[in-house]
Amino acid sequence: MPKAAPTASARLVLPVRPRRLRRTSAIRALVRETRLSPAQLLQPVFVHEGSELEPIASLPGIARIPLPRLGAHCRELAKLGLGGIALFPKVDPKRKHDDGREALNPNSLVLRAVREAKSAAPQFPIFADLALDPYTIHGHDGVLTKRGDDVDNDRTVAILSEMAVLHARVGVDFVAPSDMMDGRVGAIRKALDAAGHESTGILAYTAKYASAYYGPFRDAVGSKRAANQPSITKATYQMDPANRREALREAALDEAEGADILMVKPAQLYLDIIADLRAHTTLPVAAYQVSGEYAQICAAAERGWLDLRAARDEALLAIRRAGADIILTYFAAAWAREQ
């Protein structure tokens, strides 16, 4: 025989009921611990030499921007209240060399892009990537050793330092060395200061892991290896995904060498690293929700397996909750438009 429904006298006597603070949307908003604003987001922007937008198949909703349209694009992003852009070039393959010499061309694509963006939106912050992978035939983030089996750390740092000065001259607000070479933050800071660019900041890719989630980005900048070429490993300079304590060592070095902001990349799979850096530094902590993290959410949503907005918002809140003050995300503009 079925049991009777509980009577009112069967109700629990509980002085503490956490659900009281979840009862309505207004109450939930009132006690919300983690908040996200457009000003905390940076939009990665890819530029190219053409005259039309070039959609990137592996990054749904993202396209390479031609220089004639970059200024208007930056004005739009600034009006959304975003914190700035992270600028990346797709270099003409004819301008790629083993030594990445195009990176030191004072009239390179990315430097012209900075001039265009600053002319259109002078107060809108620009974060400029410093790495050689868009400029090298082999796709590594630096010049190779004579044996060709590894990246030459010190020669690469010298080039990055020159790159930093060129970027500062055209008005970038922050240079962002993403190469993971030893000593590059200190060398870049010294070069910037010697050239009179003391106010140009450094966002250091402090804990950049040798991740499998960078594929769509490499499509976007044209550094992906061709199908008939052997794959390359960046494990001798990017961090081992198994390592946690090592990130604190990298953070201590970058802070001592003069970094202004420390960054973790990727973000979603490395929330513990974000939290560790937040607990050990007073500097701002950034996190990069990388192309593969973005693409997998988009792909699942396209198949009806996830709700795009809900999954996107939960992922961004998780990164923020872990301790990131700044988030680089391909969702930045779309998220800001909906607020």
Protein backbone atom coordinates (compact mmCIF):
# COMPACT_ATOMS: atom_id res chain seq x y z
CA MET A 1 0.00 0.00 0.00
CA PRO A 2 1.53 3.40 -0.96
CA LYS A 3 2.70 5.69 1.82
CA ALA A 4 0.79 8.86 2.55
CA ALA A 5 2.37 12.20 1.67
CA PRO A 6 4.33 13.80 4.51
CA THR A 7 2.28 16.12 6.70
CA ALA A 8 3.26 19.65 7.63
CA SER A 9 4.51 18.39 10.98
CA ALA A 10 7.14 16.31 9.11
CA ARG A 11 8.95 19.42 7.87
CA LEU A 12 12.55 19.75 8.96
CA VAL A 13 13.47 22.29 11.59
CA LEU A 14 16.50 23.94 10.03
CA PRO A 15 17.87 27.27 11.26
CA VAL A 16 20.25 27.36 8.26
CA ARG A 17 18.72 26.97 4.81
CA PRO A 18 21.17 27.98 2.05
CA ARG A 19 18.35 27.89 -0.49
CA ARG A 20 16.96 31.13 0.98
CA LEU A 21 19.72 32.92 -0.92
CA ARG A 22 18.78 31.16 -4.18
CA ARG A 23 15.02 31.79 -4.03
CA THR A 24 14.71 34.44 -6.75
CA SER A 25 16.87 35.77 -9.57
CA ALA A 26 17.12 39.13 -7.78
CA ILE A 27 18.39 37.51 -4.58
CA ARG A 28 20.83 35.34 -6.51
CA ALA A 29 22.20 38.44 -8.23
CA LEU A 30 22.47 40.25 -4.91
CA VAL A 31 24.73 37.61 -3.33
CA ARG A 32 26.63 36.57 -6.45
CA GLU A 33 30.32 36.14 -5.59
CA THR A 34 31.85 36.28 -9.05
CA ARG A 35 31.02 39.00 -11.55
CA LEU A 36 32.17 39.54 -15.09
CA SER A 37 32.26 42.78 -17.04
CA PRO A 38 33.26 43.65 -20.63
CA ALA A 39 36.20 45.67 -19.30
CA GLN A 40 37.79 42.43 -18.05
CA LEU A 41 37.77 40.83 -21.52
CA LEU A 42 40.25 41.12 -24.38
CA GLN A 43 39.23 40.16 -27.91
CA PRO A 44 41.91 38.39 -29.99
CA VAL A 45 41.98 40.00 -33.44
CA PHE A 46 43.63 38.49 -36.52
CA VAL A 47 44.72 40.78 -39.35
CA HIS A 48 45.72 40.00 -42.93
CA GLU A 49 46.84 41.79 -46.08
CA GLY A 50 43.65 41.26 -48.10
CA SER A 51 40.69 43.54 -48.65
CA GLU A 52 37.88 41.31 -47.37
CA LEU A 53 36.98 39.51 -44.19
CA GLU A 54 38.32 35.94 -44.17
CA PRO A 55 36.18 33.64 -42.00
CA ILE A 56 38.23 31.07 -40.07
CA ALA A 57 36.52 27.70 -40.41
CA SER A 58 37.88 26.27 -37.15
CA LEU A 59 36.88 29.41 -35.20
CA PRO A 60 33.17 29.89 -35.90
CA GLY A 61 32.18 33.55 -35.87
CA ILE A 62 35.79 34.77 -36.09
CA ALA A 63 37.38 36.21 -39.24
CA ARG A 64 40.69 37.73 -40.24
CA ILE A 65 40.29 41.48 -40.55
CA PRO A 66 41.76 43.43 -43.49
CA LEU A 67 43.61 46.61 -42.54
CA PRO A 68 41.06 48.95 -44.20
CA ARG A 69 38.37 47.60 -41.85
CA LEU A 70 40.45 47.32 -38.68
CA GLY A 71 39.83 50.87 -37.47
CA ALA A 72 36.05 50.54 -37.60
CA HIS A 73 36.30 47.15 -35.92
CA CYS A 74 38.33 48.59 -33.06
CA ARG A 75 35.89 51.48 -32.60
CA GLU A 76 33.04 48.98 -32.35
CA LEU A 77 34.89 46.88 -29.76
CA ALA A 78 35.75 49.98 -27.76
CA LYS A 79 32.08 51.03 -27.71
CA LEU A 80 31.22 47.62 -26.28
CA GLY A 81 33.41 48.49 -23.30
CA LEU A 82 35.95 45.73 -23.85
CA GLY A 83 39.32 45.97 -22.13
CA GLY A 84 41.25 45.92 -25.41
CA ILE A 85 42.43 43.66 -28.20
CA ALA A 86 45.21 41.11 -28.56
CA LEU A 87 46.60 41.53 -32.07
CA PHE A 88 47.90 38.66 -34.24
CA PRO A 89 49.06 38.80 -37.90
CA LYS A 90 48.62 36.25 -40.67
CA VAL A 91 51.87 36.78 -42.52
CA ASP A 92 52.18 36.24 -46.26
CA PRO A 93 54.05 32.92 -46.72
CA LYS A 94 56.44 34.69 -49.10
CA ARG A 95 57.63 36.78 -46.16
CA LYS A 96 58.40 33.81 -43.91
CA HIS A 97 61.99 32.67 -43.37
CA ASP A 98 63.88 30.32 -41.10
CA ASP A 99 65.02 33.25 -38.96
CA GLY A 100 61.67 35.10 -38.91
CA ARG A 101 63.32 38.28 -40.20
CA GLU A 102 59.96 39.82 -41.21
CA ALA A 103 59.26 40.31 -37.50
CA LEU A 104 61.86 43.12 -37.56
CA ASN A 105 60.46 44.85 -40.63
CA PRO A 106 59.47 48.38 -39.44
CA ASN A 107 56.63 48.31 -41.97
CA SER A 108 55.38 44.81 -41.18
CA LEU A 109 51.69 43.93 -41.27
CA VAL A 110 51.24 43.96 -37.51
CA LEU A 111 52.94 47.35 -37.07
CA ARG A 112 50.76 48.86 -39.77
CA ALA A 113 47.77 47.31 -37.99
CA VAL A 114 48.76 48.95 -34.71
CA ARG A 115 48.99 52.35 -36.44
CA GLU A 116 45.58 51.82 -38.01
CA ALA A 117 43.96 50.76 -34.74
CA LYS A 118 45.51 53.59 -32.72
CA SER A 119 44.50 56.15 -35.32
CA ALA A 120 40.88 55.01 -35.10
CA ALA A 121 40.65 54.38 -31.34
CA PRO A 122 43.63 56.04 -29.60
CA GLN A 123 42.57 55.17 -26.05
CA PHE A 124 41.65 51.54 -26.76
CA PRO A 125 44.38 49.27 -25.32
CA ILE A 126 46.37 47.07 -27.70
CA PHE A 127 48.23 43.97 -26.55
CA ALA A 128 50.73 42.88 -29.22
CA ASP A 129 51.96 39.31 -29.37
CA LEU A 130 55.73 38.80 -29.39
CA ALA A 131 56.67 35.45 -30.90
CA LEU A 132 58.22 34.29 -34.13
CA ASP A 133 55.85 31.47 -35.09
CA PRO A 134 53.80 33.64 -37.53
CA TYR A 135 57.07 34.62 -39.23
CA THR A 136 59.01 31.34 -39.48
CA ILE A 137 58.76 28.65 -42.13
CA HIS A 138 59.12 25.93 -39.52
CA GLY A 139 56.40 27.30 -37.21
CA HIS A 140 58.49 27.44 -34.06
CA ASP A 141 58.35 30.43 -31.70
CA GLY A 142 62.01 31.27 -32.26
CA VAL A 143 65.07 30.72 -34.43
CA LEU A 144 66.50 27.23 -34.48
CA THR A 145 69.89 26.07 -33.28
CA LYS A 146 72.55 25.18 -35.85
CA ARG A 147 71.54 21.53 -35.54
CA GLY A 148 67.94 22.55 -36.23
CA ASP A 149 66.51 20.34 -33.50
CA ASP A 150 65.60 22.99 -30.93
CA VAL A 151 64.95 26.72 -30.51
CA ASP A 152 67.98 28.87 -29.71
CA ASN A 153 66.86 30.64 -26.55
CA ASP A 154 69.28 33.57 -26.43
CA ARG A 155 69.22 34.45 -30.14
CA THR A 156 65.43 34.39 -29.98
CA VAL A 157 65.38 36.68 -26.93
CA ALA A 158 67.52 39.22 -28.79
CA ILE A 159 65.03 39.28 -31.67
CA LEU A 160 62.05 39.56 -29.31
CA SER A 161 63.66 42.54 -27.61
CA GLU A 162 64.00 44.32 -30.96
CA MET A 163 60.40 43.42 -31.79
CA ALA A 164 59.23 44.91 -28.51
CA VAL A 165 60.88 48.27 -29.27
CA LEU A 166 59.35 48.37 -32.77
CA HIS A 167 55.90 47.71 -31.30
CA ALA A 168 56.35 50.32 -28.59
CA ARG A 169 57.30 52.94 -31.18
CA VAL A 170 53.97 52.58 -32.97
CA GLY A 171 52.01 52.87 -29.75
CA VAL A 172 51.09 49.45 -28.33
CA ASP A 173 50.11 49.58 -24.69
CA PHE A 174 51.46 46.13 -23.80
CA VAL A 175 53.84 43.75 -25.51
CA ALA A 176 52.96 40.13 -24.82
CA PRO A 177 55.88 37.69 -25.16
CA SER A 178 54.25 34.30 -25.76
CA ASP A 179 57.39 32.33 -26.66
CA MET A 180 58.36 30.96 -23.20
CA MET A 181 62.07 31.66 -23.70
CA ASP A 182 64.11 31.98 -20.50
CA GLY A 183 64.99 35.54 -19.53
CA ARG A 184 62.94 37.25 -22.21
CA VAL A 185 60.87 39.43 -19.86
CA GLY A 186 63.97 41.00 -18.31
CA ALA A 187 65.63 41.51 -21.68
CA ILE A 188 62.48 43.08 -23.15
CA ARG A 189 62.07 45.38 -20.15
CA LYS A 190 65.69 46.50 -20.46
CA ALA A 191 65.34 47.13 -24.19
CA LEU A 192 62.11 49.08 -23.79
CA ASP A 193 63.52 51.25 -21.03
CA ALA A 194 66.74 51.93 -22.95
CA ALA A 195 64.68 53.07 -25.95
CA GLY A 196 62.61 55.46 -23.82
CA HIS A 197 59.48 53.31 -23.62
CA GLU A 198 59.24 52.97 -19.85
CA SER A 199 55.45 53.25 -19.98
CA THR A 200 54.98 50.30 -22.35
CA GLY A 201 53.80 47.36 -20.27
CA ILE A 202 54.59 43.65 -20.49
CA LEU A 203 51.91 41.00 -20.33
CA ALA A 204 53.97 37.85 -19.86
CA TYR A 205 52.72 34.49 -21.03
CA THR A 206 54.01 33.15 -17.73
CA ALA A 207 52.58 29.64 -17.71
CA LYS A 208 52.01 28.65 -21.33
CA TYR A 209 51.56 24.92 -21.60
CA ALA A 210 52.40 22.61 -24.52
CA SER A 211 48.71 22.08 -25.13
CA ALA A 212 46.76 20.19 -27.76
CA TYR A 213 44.21 23.03 -27.82
CA TYR A 214 46.05 25.52 -30.07
CA GLY A 215 45.11 24.06 -33.44
CA PRO A 216 42.51 26.61 -34.62
CA PHE A 217 44.81 29.49 -33.65
CA ARG A 218 47.55 28.02 -35.85
CA ASP A 219 45.02 27.90 -38.67
CA ALA A 220 44.24 31.55 -38.07
CA VAL A 221 47.84 32.82 -38.22
CA GLY A 222 48.97 30.33 -40.84
CA SER A 223 51.58 28.57 -38.69
CA LYS A 224 50.00 25.12 -38.91
CA ARG A 225 52.19 22.47 -40.53
CA ALA A 226 51.11 21.23 -43.94
CA ALA A 227 49.62 17.74 -44.15
CA ASN A 228 52.76 16.36 -45.83
CA GLN A 229 55.12 17.81 -43.20
CA PRO A 230 56.03 16.13 -39.91
CA SER A 231 54.44 17.64 -36.82
CA ILE A 232 56.60 19.74 -34.52
CA THR A 233 56.82 19.72 -30.76
CA LYS A 234 57.22 22.82 -28.61
CA ALA A 235 57.77 20.81 -25.45
CA THR A 236 61.35 22.11 -24.97
CA TYR A 237 60.04 25.60 -24.26
CA GLN A 238 56.32 25.40 -23.46
CA MET A 239 55.43 23.86 -20.11
CA ASP A 240 54.56 20.23 -19.45
CA PRO A 241 50.78 19.91 -18.82
CA ALA A 242 51.62 17.59 -15.90
CA ASN A 243 53.42 20.34 -13.96
CA ARG A 244 51.83 22.65 -11.42
CA ARG A 245 54.61 23.88 -9.11
CA GLU A 246 56.72 24.90 -12.11
CA ALA A 247 54.20 27.64 -12.90
CA LEU A 248 55.01 29.35 -9.60
CA ARG A 249 58.70 29.31 -10.49
CA GLU A 250 57.96 30.90 -13.86
CA ALA A 251 55.73 33.49 -12.18
CA ALA A 252 58.41 34.45 -9.66
CA LEU A 253 60.96 34.89 -12.46
CA ASP A 254 58.64 36.98 -14.65
CA GLU A 255 57.63 39.20 -11.75
CA ALA A 256 61.26 39.74 -10.74
CA GLU A 257 62.19 40.58 -14.34
CA GLY A 258 59.57 43.32 -14.59
CA ALA A 259 56.34 41.79 -15.93
CA ASP A 260 53.25 43.91 -15.31
CA ILE A 261 50.67 41.15 -15.86
CA LEU A 262 51.08 37.37 -15.58
CA MET A 263 49.10 35.04 -17.83
CA VAL A 264 48.08 31.37 -17.85
CA LYS A 265 47.39 29.64 -21.17
CA PRO A 266 45.15 27.68 -21.73
CA ALA A 267 42.53 28.73 -19.20
CA GLN A 268 39.69 26.23 -18.78
CA LEU A 269 41.91 23.18 -18.27
CA TYR A 270 44.31 25.09 -16.00
CA LEU A 271 42.03 26.68 -13.40
CA ASP A 272 44.28 25.32 -10.64
CA ILE A 273 47.24 27.19 -12.14
CA ILE A 274 45.21 30.42 -12.32
CA ALA A 275 44.25 30.00 -8.67
CA ASP A 276 47.86 29.29 -7.68
CA LEU A 277 49.16 32.43 -9.37
CA ARG A 278 46.38 34.51 -7.86
CA ALA A 279 47.37 33.27 -4.40
CA HIS A 280 51.08 33.98 -4.87
CA THR A 281 51.23 37.38 -6.60
CA THR A 282 49.78 40.84 -6.22
CA LEU A 283 50.12 41.47 -9.97
CA PRO A 284 47.06 41.20 -12.22
CA VAL A 285 46.52 37.64 -13.49
CA ALA A 286 45.28 37.03 -17.02
CA ALA A 287 44.08 33.81 -18.62
CA TYR A 288 43.69 32.90 -22.29
CA GLN A 289 40.63 30.85 -23.19
CA VAL A 290 42.36 29.41 -26.22
CA SER A 291 41.09 28.59 -29.68
CA GLY A 292 40.50 24.90 -28.98
CA GLU A 293 38.52 25.69 -25.83
CA TYR A 294 36.38 28.13 -27.81
CA ALA A 295 35.98 25.77 -30.77
CA GLN A 296 34.86 22.79 -28.71
CA ILE A 297 32.05 24.79 -27.12
CA CYS A 298 30.96 26.07 -30.54
CA ALA A 299 31.13 22.59 -32.08
CA ALA A 300 29.06 20.99 -29.33
CA ALA A 301 26.49 23.79 -29.58
CA GLU A 302 26.26 23.39 -33.37
CA ARG A 303 25.34 19.74 -32.80
CA GLY A 304 22.74 20.62 -30.20
CA TRP A 305 24.69 18.97 -27.40
CA LEU A 306 25.20 22.19 -25.40
CA ASP A 307 23.47 25.53 -25.06
CA LEU A 308 26.05 27.95 -26.48
CA ARG A 309 25.31 30.94 -24.26
CA ALA A 310 24.97 28.91 -21.08
CA ALA A 311 28.16 26.91 -21.70
CA ARG A 312 30.06 30.05 -22.74
CA ASP A 313 28.98 32.02 -19.69
CA GLU A 314 29.73 29.16 -17.30
CA ALA A 315 33.21 28.73 -18.76
CA LEU A 316 34.01 32.45 -18.49
CA LEU A 317 32.71 32.62 -14.92
CA ALA A 318 34.83 29.61 -13.98
CA ILE A 319 37.97 31.32 -15.30
CA ARG A 320 37.07 34.50 -13.44
CA ARG A 321 36.18 32.57 -10.26
CA ALA A 322 39.57 30.84 -10.32
CA GLY A 323 41.19 34.27 -9.99
CA ALA A 324 41.73 35.73 -13.46
CA ASP A 325 41.46 39.53 -13.52
CA ILE A 326 41.66 39.59 -17.34
CA ILE A 327 40.40 37.00 -19.83
CA LEU A 328 41.48 36.75 -23.46
CA THR A 329 38.56 35.07 -25.19
CA TYR A 330 37.12 34.78 -28.69
CA PHE A 331 33.73 35.17 -27.02
CA ALA A 332 34.52 38.70 -25.79
CA ALA A 333 32.64 40.78 -28.37
CA ALA A 334 29.64 38.43 -28.58
CA TRP A 335 29.34 38.28 -24.79
CA ALA A 336 29.60 42.05 -24.41
CA ARG A 337 26.90 42.66 -27.04
CA GLU A 338 24.43 40.63 -24.99
CA GLN A 339 24.94 42.48 -21.71
